[in-house]
Amino acid sequence: MRRLPFEPPTDFYHDEIKPIDEQLVELLKKRKDLSGGDPGFPSPSLIQEWSRKYDFYSDYLHAVFSLLMDDERFRPIP
């Protein structure tokens, strides 16, 4: 079964945040390389610390790090 093509949820994009988005992608690549394919998951105390420090909901950070656990599920299906 093939995946449906991705449709962005909006056509809008802040061009001024493009450099930040590229830095995010660069950091994701560094994280992937450093982890050697076994990224692990931050402890609950780290998630709480970062959620307070950077003003994010802890559930949001859980979701972000959950996505980083397994990039293989996003590999294109031939």
C-alpha atoms as a PDB file:
ATOM      1  CA  MET A   1       0.000   0.000   0.000  1.00  0.00           C
ATOM      2  CA  ARG A   2       1.356   3.421  -0.922  1.00  0.00           C
ATOM      3  CA  ARG A   3       1.217   6.520   1.205  1.00  0.00           C
ATOM      4  CA  LEU A   4      -0.908   9.436   0.183  1.00  0.00           C
ATOM      5  CA  PRO A   5       1.094  12.466  -0.941  1.00  0.00           C
ATOM      6  CA  PHE A   6       1.705  15.018   1.792  1.00  0.00           C
ATOM      7  CA  GLU A   7      -0.403  18.151   1.568  1.00  0.00           C
ATOM      8  CA  PRO A   8       0.849  21.106   3.617  1.00  0.00           C
ATOM      9  CA  PRO A   9      -1.864  22.347   5.985  1.00  0.00           C
ATOM     10  CA  THR A  10      -1.470  25.890   4.633  1.00  0.00           C
ATOM     11  CA  ASP A  11       0.130  27.798   1.770  1.00  0.00           C
ATOM     12  CA  PHE A  12       1.406  30.448   4.167  1.00  0.00           C
ATOM     13  CA  TYR A  13       5.064  30.557   5.249  1.00  0.00           C
ATOM     14  CA  HIS A  14       7.061  33.230   7.083  1.00  0.00           C
ATOM     15  CA  ASP A  15      10.103  33.605   4.836  1.00  0.00           C
ATOM     16  CA  GLU A  16      11.979  35.313   7.658  1.00  0.00           C
ATOM     17  CA  ILE A  17      11.996  32.056   9.670  1.00  0.00           C
ATOM     18  CA  LYS A  18      13.535  30.033   6.845  1.00  0.00           C
ATOM     19  CA  PRO A  19      17.069  30.293   8.348  1.00  0.00           C
ATOM     20  CA  ILE A  20      15.744  29.001  11.681  1.00  0.00           C
ATOM     21  CA  ASP A  21      13.932  26.118   9.989  1.00  0.00           C
ATOM     22  CA  GLU A  22      17.118  25.201   8.175  1.00  0.00           C
ATOM     23  CA  GLN A  23      19.014  25.259  11.481  1.00  0.00           C
ATOM     24  CA  LEU A  24      16.378  22.916  12.922  1.00  0.00           C
ATOM     25  CA  VAL A  25      16.910  20.490  10.056  1.00  0.00           C
ATOM     26  CA  GLU A  26      20.689  20.746  10.469  1.00  0.00           C
ATOM     27  CA  LEU A  27      20.357  19.998  14.197  1.00  0.00           C
ATOM     28  CA  LEU A  28      18.080  17.026  13.476  1.00  0.00           C
ATOM     29  CA  LYS A  29      20.754  15.637  11.162  1.00  0.00           C
ATOM     30  CA  LYS A  30      23.470  16.141  13.803  1.00  0.00           C
ATOM     31  CA  ARG A  31      21.281  14.442  16.412  1.00  0.00           C
ATOM     32  CA  LYS A  32      20.647  11.500  14.105  1.00  0.00           C
ATOM     33  CA  ASP A  33      24.352  11.122  13.309  1.00  0.00           C
ATOM     34  CA  LEU A  34      25.453  11.385  16.956  1.00  0.00           C
ATOM     35  CA  SER A  35      22.866   8.862  18.133  1.00  0.00           C
ATOM     36  CA  GLY A  36      24.030   6.223  15.683  1.00  0.00           C
ATOM     37  CA  GLY A  37      20.453   5.232  14.939  1.00  0.00           C
ATOM     38  CA  ASP A  38      19.497   4.778  18.610  1.00  0.00           C
ATOM     39  CA  PRO A  39      18.270   8.214  19.707  1.00  0.00           C
ATOM     40  CA  GLY A  40      16.770   7.251  23.045  1.00  0.00           C
ATOM     41  CA  PHE A  41      14.281   9.541  24.753  1.00  0.00           C
ATOM     42  CA  PRO A  42      14.864  12.431  27.180  1.00  0.00           C
ATOM     43  CA  SER A  43      13.947  11.676  30.772  1.00  0.00           C
ATOM     44  CA  PRO A  44      10.720  13.104  32.213  1.00  0.00           C
ATOM     45  CA  SER A  45      12.785  15.515  34.305  1.00  0.00           C
ATOM     46  CA  LEU A  46      14.576  16.837  31.195  1.00  0.00           C
ATOM     47  CA  ILE A  47      11.251  17.255  29.392  1.00  0.00           C
ATOM     48  CA  GLN A  48       9.863  19.191  32.378  1.00  0.00           C
ATOM     49  CA  GLU A  49      13.007  21.320  32.637  1.00  0.00           C
ATOM     50  CA  TRP A  50      12.950  22.207  28.938  1.00  0.00           C
ATOM     51  CA  SER A  51       9.212  22.850  28.916  1.00  0.00           C
ATOM     52  CA  ARG A  52       9.635  25.420  31.698  1.00  0.00           C
ATOM     53  CA  LYS A  53      12.860  26.902  30.325  1.00  0.00           C
ATOM     54  CA  TYR A  54      11.618  27.322  26.743  1.00  0.00           C
ATOM     55  CA  ASP A  55       7.891  27.817  27.431  1.00  0.00           C
ATOM     56  CA  PHE A  56       6.563  24.703  25.685  1.00  0.00           C
ATOM     57  CA  TYR A  57       3.914  22.270  26.851  1.00  0.00           C
ATOM     58  CA  SER A  58       5.540  19.038  27.974  1.00  0.00           C
ATOM     59  CA  ASP A  59       3.116  17.046  25.796  1.00  0.00           C
ATOM     60  CA  TYR A  60       4.357  18.995  22.784  1.00  0.00           C
ATOM     61  CA  LEU A  61       7.963  18.043  23.578  1.00  0.00           C
ATOM     62  CA  HIS A  62       6.881  14.425  24.121  1.00  0.00           C
ATOM     63  CA  ALA A  63       5.358  14.465  20.630  1.00  0.00           C
ATOM     64  CA  VAL A  64       8.482  15.987  19.064  1.00  0.00           C
ATOM     65  CA  PHE A  65      10.833  13.463  20.642  1.00  0.00           C
ATOM     66  CA  SER A  66       8.447  10.601  19.867  1.00  0.00           C
ATOM     67  CA  LEU A  67       8.691  11.505  16.174  1.00  0.00           C
ATOM     68  CA  LEU A  68      12.483  11.477  16.424  1.00  0.00           C
ATOM     69  CA  MET A  69      12.492   7.926  17.783  1.00  0.00           C
ATOM     70  CA  ASP A  70      11.899   6.238  14.445  1.00  0.00           C
ATOM     71  CA  ASP A  71      12.528   8.050  11.195  1.00  0.00           C
ATOM     72  CA  GLU A  72      12.354   4.724   9.335  1.00  0.00           C
ATOM     73  CA  ARG A  73       8.567   4.845   9.382  1.00  0.00           C
ATOM     74  CA  PHE A  74       8.809   7.908   7.147  1.00  0.00           C
ATOM     75  CA  ARG A  75      11.012   6.184   4.572  1.00  0.00           C
ATOM     76  CA  PRO A  76       9.332   6.308   1.146  1.00  0.00           C
ATOM     77  CA  ILE A  77       7.658   3.086   0.088  1.00  0.00           C
ATOM     78  CA  PRO A  78       8.835   2.026  -3.374  1.00  0.00           C
END
